[in-house]
Amino acid sequence: MASHGTPATALLAKQKITHALHAYEVSPDAPNYGALVATAIGADPARVFKTLVTEVDGSLTVAVVPVTGELDLKALASAAGGKRAAMADRAVAERTTGYVRGGISPLGQRKRLPTVIDATALAGDTIFVSAGKRGLQVSLHPDDLVRLTQATVAAIASS
């Protein structure tokens, strides 16, 4: 396993998914973290997505939205077939996914959670998401991300 090996990169390798890794150095506590990450890896911020662990009607659900926008909790609840959505507790999110905040990947989570990816993800040939640890992003085709996470695609971000 490479030094960058994470459950997310292992899954991509196992599934023979075309992808690229992008290392960066940004403090996870920095304001505008996502925008700083996009700049650090030389990516269009609209193509860099953050992975948020939420609760929809009490069930953990993953939301993948562009770093340029905010998660619309009402839209997420609707897309996930629920009534109410809220951000999940950080410790619960880390324990359930097996990743730490700032490095939660939608791929290779310890427990597969229902996932909703913002519709803007499909607007380009490449999407950047966390590769499963702080300081590492992975780029891949959005269709591959949707397939591997068995995600619902819906408009869940507000700019």
Protein backbone atom coordinates (compact mmCIF):
# COMPACT_ATOMS: atom_id res chain seq x y z
CA MET A 1 0.00 0.00 0.00
CA ALA A 2 1.34 3.44 -0.90
CA SER A 3 2.11 5.96 1.82
CA HIS A 4 -1.06 7.77 0.73
CA GLY A 5 -3.03 4.57 1.26
CA THR A 6 -6.46 5.17 2.77
CA PRO A 7 -9.65 3.11 2.55
CA ALA A 8 -10.77 5.57 -0.17
CA THR A 9 -7.66 5.12 -2.35
CA ALA A 10 -7.72 1.36 -1.76
CA LEU A 11 -11.31 1.24 -3.02
CA LEU A 12 -10.41 3.25 -6.14
CA ALA A 13 -7.47 0.97 -6.89
CA LYS A 14 -9.52 -2.20 -6.31
CA GLN A 15 -12.30 -0.95 -8.59
CA LYS A 16 -9.70 0.17 -11.20
CA ILE A 17 -11.12 3.71 -11.21
CA THR A 18 -9.09 6.35 -13.04
CA HIS A 19 -8.12 8.95 -10.45
CA ALA A 20 -5.31 11.25 -9.36
CA LEU A 21 -4.12 12.22 -5.90
CA HIS A 22 -3.37 15.82 -4.92
CA ALA A 23 -1.45 16.54 -1.71
CA TYR A 24 -1.74 19.94 -0.03
CA GLU A 25 -0.98 21.70 3.24
CA VAL A 26 -3.82 23.73 4.75
CA SER A 27 -4.78 23.89 8.42
CA PRO A 28 -8.16 22.15 8.91
CA ASP A 29 -9.12 25.01 11.21
CA ALA A 30 -8.42 27.72 8.61
CA PRO A 31 -11.41 29.86 7.62
CA ASN A 32 -12.48 29.17 4.01
CA TYR A 33 -10.72 25.79 4.26
CA GLY A 34 -12.25 24.48 1.01
CA ALA A 35 -11.25 27.55 -1.00
CA LEU A 36 -7.71 27.31 0.39
CA VAL A 37 -7.55 23.63 -0.57
CA ALA A 38 -8.73 24.44 -4.11
CA THR A 39 -6.01 27.09 -4.43
CA ALA A 40 -3.37 24.76 -2.96
CA ILE A 41 -4.10 22.03 -5.53
CA GLY A 42 -4.70 24.46 -8.41
CA ALA A 43 -8.32 23.41 -8.90
CA ASP A 44 -11.43 25.39 -9.79
CA PRO A 45 -13.18 25.81 -6.40
CA ALA A 46 -16.50 24.92 -8.05
CA ARG A 47 -15.07 21.41 -8.73
CA VAL A 48 -13.78 20.86 -5.17
CA PHE A 49 -16.40 19.24 -2.94
CA LYS A 50 -16.62 18.80 0.82
CA THR A 51 -18.02 15.71 2.49
CA LEU A 52 -20.42 16.48 5.34
CA VAL A 53 -21.92 13.90 7.66
CA THR A 54 -25.48 14.79 8.58
CA GLU A 55 -28.51 13.24 10.21
CA VAL A 56 -31.74 12.98 8.27
CA ASP A 57 -34.62 12.01 10.56
CA GLY A 58 -32.04 10.52 12.94
CA SER A 59 -30.18 8.45 10.31
CA LEU A 60 -26.64 9.35 9.32
CA THR A 61 -26.43 10.59 5.73
CA VAL A 62 -23.46 11.90 3.75
CA ALA A 63 -23.81 15.14 1.78
CA VAL A 64 -21.22 16.07 -0.87
CA VAL A 65 -21.37 19.75 -1.82
CA PRO A 66 -19.05 22.27 -3.51
CA VAL A 67 -16.72 24.14 -1.16
CA THR A 68 -18.05 27.33 -2.81
CA GLY A 69 -21.53 26.77 -1.35
CA GLU A 70 -23.36 25.74 1.76
CA LEU A 71 -25.42 22.65 2.40
CA ASP A 72 -29.17 23.33 2.18
CA LEU A 73 -30.46 21.09 4.98
CA LYS A 74 -34.09 21.28 3.80
CA ALA A 75 -33.10 20.22 0.29
CA LEU A 76 -30.96 17.40 1.70
CA ALA A 77 -33.80 16.10 3.86
CA SER A 78 -36.11 16.11 0.84
CA ALA A 79 -33.53 14.38 -1.41
CA ALA A 80 -32.92 11.73 1.24
CA GLY A 81 -36.64 11.10 1.65
CA GLY A 82 -36.82 12.62 5.11
CA LYS A 83 -38.34 15.58 6.88
CA ARG A 84 -35.50 17.10 8.92
CA ALA A 85 -31.74 17.27 8.48
CA ALA A 86 -29.02 18.53 10.79
CA MET A 87 -25.25 18.28 10.97
CA ALA A 88 -24.11 15.11 12.73
CA ASP A 89 -22.01 15.20 15.88
CA ARG A 90 -18.33 15.36 14.92
CA ALA A 91 -17.33 12.38 17.10
CA VAL A 92 -20.18 10.28 15.65
CA ALA A 93 -19.19 11.30 12.10
CA GLU A 94 -15.54 10.35 12.70
CA ARG A 95 -16.37 7.06 14.43
CA THR A 96 -18.89 6.00 11.78
CA THR A 97 -16.80 6.91 8.72
CA GLY A 98 -13.40 5.95 10.14
CA TYR A 99 -12.02 9.33 9.02
CA VAL A 100 -11.17 12.58 10.86
CA ARG A 101 -12.78 15.97 10.22
CA GLY A 102 -11.00 17.69 7.33
CA GLY A 103 -10.28 14.26 5.87
CA ILE A 104 -13.69 12.59 5.61
CA SER A 105 -14.03 11.00 2.20
CA PRO A 106 -17.32 9.93 0.62
CA LEU A 107 -15.42 6.79 -0.48
CA GLY A 108 -14.31 3.79 1.58
CA GLN A 109 -16.14 4.70 4.77
CA ARG A 110 -16.12 2.18 7.61
CA LYS A 111 -19.93 1.97 7.37
CA ARG A 112 -21.55 2.71 4.02
CA LEU A 113 -23.95 5.58 4.56
CA PRO A 114 -26.67 6.88 2.25
CA THR A 115 -25.03 9.60 0.17
CA VAL A 116 -26.44 12.62 -1.64
CA ILE A 117 -24.18 14.47 -4.08
CA ASP A 118 -25.03 17.98 -5.23
CA ALA A 119 -26.18 18.05 -8.86
CA THR A 120 -23.42 20.52 -9.83
CA ALA A 121 -20.96 17.62 -9.44
CA LEU A 122 -22.10 16.33 -12.84
CA ALA A 123 -21.31 19.64 -14.57
CA GLY A 124 -17.69 18.73 -15.30
CA ASP A 125 -15.40 15.83 -16.18
CA THR A 126 -13.62 15.89 -12.83
CA ILE A 127 -14.59 16.27 -9.21
CA PHE A 128 -12.22 16.64 -6.28
CA VAL A 129 -13.10 15.10 -2.90
CA SER A 130 -11.13 14.13 0.17
CA ALA A 131 -9.01 11.03 -0.36
CA GLY A 132 -9.56 10.04 3.26
CA LYS A 133 -7.01 12.05 5.17
CA ARG A 134 -6.16 15.67 5.78
CA GLY A 135 -3.83 17.03 3.15
CA LEU A 136 -4.94 14.70 0.36
CA GLN A 137 -7.62 15.18 -2.30
CA VAL A 138 -8.54 12.75 -5.06
CA SER A 139 -9.87 13.74 -8.46
CA LEU A 140 -12.09 11.38 -10.42
CA HIS A 141 -14.99 11.41 -12.86
CA PRO A 142 -18.25 12.41 -11.10
CA ASP A 143 -20.07 9.38 -12.55
CA ASP A 144 -17.53 7.09 -10.84
CA LEU A 145 -18.12 8.85 -7.52
CA VAL A 146 -21.90 8.52 -7.86
CA ARG A 147 -21.59 4.83 -8.78
CA LEU A 148 -19.14 3.91 -6.01
CA THR A 149 -21.17 5.68 -3.30
CA GLN A 150 -24.53 4.59 -4.79
CA ALA A 151 -25.48 8.22 -4.33
CA THR A 152 -28.60 10.16 -5.03
CA VAL A 153 -27.86 13.28 -7.11
CA ALA A 154 -29.92 16.34 -6.18
CA ALA A 155 -29.66 20.10 -5.79
CA ILE A 156 -28.61 20.28 -2.12
CA ALA A 157 -26.20 23.24 -2.13
CA SER A 158 -26.97 26.91 -1.86
CA SER A 159 -24.38 29.43 -2.94
